Amino acid sequence: MAEPITLQVEGMSCGHCVRAVTNAIQALDQAAKVDVDLAAKRVVAATSLPRADLVRAVEEEGFAVKG
């Protein structure tokens, strides 16, 4: 598995947001390990997916990815 990918995600504020982001990433890679830090607005995903795929999946859930 590749190095974990870190995304700064704006708009996350609750457990539903955590589940939405986690499920969106795991829909593309069931084996992905996803850690969400609401306070830091950070998502770290251990996956072999390219970063662009993660960004697209998170943005399709209605969140903005910064940087």
C-alpha atoms as a PDB file:
ATOM      1  CA  MET A   1       0.000   0.000   0.000  1.00  0.00           C
ATOM      2  CA  ALA A   2       1.222   3.497  -0.810  1.00  0.00           C
ATOM      3  CA  GLU A   3       1.939   6.283   1.645  1.00  0.00           C
ATOM      4  CA  PRO A   4      -1.172   7.667   3.384  1.00  0.00           C
ATOM      5  CA  ILE A   5      -2.782  10.620   1.624  1.00  0.00           C
ATOM      6  CA  THR A   6      -3.787  13.651   3.682  1.00  0.00           C
ATOM      7  CA  LEU A   7      -6.590  15.978   2.602  1.00  0.00           C
ATOM      8  CA  GLN A   8      -7.737  19.248   4.183  1.00  0.00           C
ATOM      9  CA  VAL A   9     -11.530  19.073   3.957  1.00  0.00           C
ATOM     10  CA  GLU A  10     -13.771  22.062   4.651  1.00  0.00           C
ATOM     11  CA  GLY A  11     -17.387  21.706   5.728  1.00  0.00           C
ATOM     12  CA  MET A  12     -17.142  18.650   7.973  1.00  0.00           C
ATOM     13  CA  SER A  13     -18.857  19.218  11.310  1.00  0.00           C
ATOM     14  CA  CYS A  14     -20.384  15.994  12.660  1.00  0.00           C
ATOM     15  CA  GLY A  15     -20.438  12.225  12.713  1.00  0.00           C
ATOM     16  CA  HIS A  16     -22.568  12.139   9.575  1.00  0.00           C
ATOM     17  CA  CYS A  17     -19.820  14.026   7.739  1.00  0.00           C
ATOM     18  CA  VAL A  18     -17.224  11.533   8.964  1.00  0.00           C
ATOM     19  CA  ARG A  19     -19.341   8.599   7.733  1.00  0.00           C
ATOM     20  CA  ALA A  20     -20.030  10.281   4.379  1.00  0.00           C
ATOM     21  CA  VAL A  21     -16.345  10.920   3.689  1.00  0.00           C
ATOM     22  CA  THR A  22     -15.266   7.495   4.941  1.00  0.00           C
ATOM     23  CA  ASN A  23     -17.932   5.695   2.913  1.00  0.00           C
ATOM     24  CA  ALA A  24     -17.112   7.691  -0.234  1.00  0.00           C
ATOM     25  CA  ILE A  25     -13.455   6.662  -0.060  1.00  0.00           C
ATOM     26  CA  GLN A  26     -14.178   3.066   0.905  1.00  0.00           C
ATOM     27  CA  ALA A  27     -16.665   2.764  -1.968  1.00  0.00           C
ATOM     28  CA  LEU A  28     -13.622   3.119  -4.251  1.00  0.00           C
ATOM     29  CA  ASP A  29     -11.265   1.017  -2.102  1.00  0.00           C
ATOM     30  CA  GLN A  30     -12.889  -1.258   0.477  1.00  0.00           C
ATOM     31  CA  ALA A  31      -9.514  -1.902   2.105  1.00  0.00           C
ATOM     32  CA  ALA A  32      -8.776   1.797   2.650  1.00  0.00           C
ATOM     33  CA  LYS A  33      -8.132   2.843   6.238  1.00  0.00           C
ATOM     34  CA  VAL A  34      -9.663   6.285   6.720  1.00  0.00           C
ATOM     35  CA  ASP A  35      -9.052   8.538   9.733  1.00  0.00           C
ATOM     36  CA  VAL A  36     -11.011  11.783  10.031  1.00  0.00           C
ATOM     37  CA  ASP A  37     -10.090  14.571  12.458  1.00  0.00           C
ATOM     38  CA  LEU A  38     -13.077  16.932  12.600  1.00  0.00           C
ATOM     39  CA  ALA A  39     -11.309  19.581  14.684  1.00  0.00           C
ATOM     40  CA  ALA A  40      -8.380  19.789  12.261  1.00  0.00           C
ATOM     41  CA  LYS A  41     -10.630  19.253   9.207  1.00  0.00           C
ATOM     42  CA  ARG A  42      -8.192  16.572   8.087  1.00  0.00           C
ATOM     43  CA  VAL A  43      -8.732  13.225   6.389  1.00  0.00           C
ATOM     44  CA  VAL A  44      -5.900  10.702   6.204  1.00  0.00           C
ATOM     45  CA  ALA A  45      -6.479   7.722   3.941  1.00  0.00           C
ATOM     46  CA  ALA A  46      -4.178   4.716   3.687  1.00  0.00           C
ATOM     47  CA  THR A  47      -5.041   3.521   0.196  1.00  0.00           C
ATOM     48  CA  SER A  48      -3.490   2.663  -3.135  1.00  0.00           C
ATOM     49  CA  LEU A  49      -5.892   5.055  -4.889  1.00  0.00           C
ATOM     50  CA  PRO A  50      -4.481   8.184  -6.518  1.00  0.00           C
ATOM     51  CA  ARG A  51      -5.019  11.448  -4.647  1.00  0.00           C
ATOM     52  CA  ALA A  52      -7.215  12.806  -7.465  1.00  0.00           C
ATOM     53  CA  ASP A  53      -9.699   9.956  -6.958  1.00  0.00           C
ATOM     54  CA  LEU A  54      -9.943  10.724  -3.239  1.00  0.00           C
ATOM     55  CA  VAL A  55     -10.465  14.433  -3.894  1.00  0.00           C
ATOM     56  CA  ARG A  56     -13.211  13.667  -6.428  1.00  0.00           C
ATOM     57  CA  ALA A  57     -14.973  11.239  -4.058  1.00  0.00           C
ATOM     58  CA  VAL A  58     -14.925  13.736  -1.168  1.00  0.00           C
ATOM     59  CA  GLU A  59     -16.050  16.640  -3.357  1.00  0.00           C
ATOM     60  CA  GLU A  60     -18.918  14.551  -4.749  1.00  0.00           C
ATOM     61  CA  GLU A  61     -20.167  14.292  -1.148  1.00  0.00           C
ATOM     62  CA  GLY A  62     -20.391  18.096  -1.052  1.00  0.00           C
ATOM     63  CA  PHE A  63     -17.173  18.963   0.776  1.00  0.00           C
ATOM     64  CA  ALA A  64     -14.380  21.270  -0.395  1.00  0.00           C
ATOM     65  CA  VAL A  65     -10.836  19.939  -0.475  1.00  0.00           C
ATOM     66  CA  LYS A  66      -8.191  22.619   0.111  1.00  0.00           C
ATOM     67  CA  GLY A  67      -4.642  22.519  -1.202  1.00  0.00           C
END
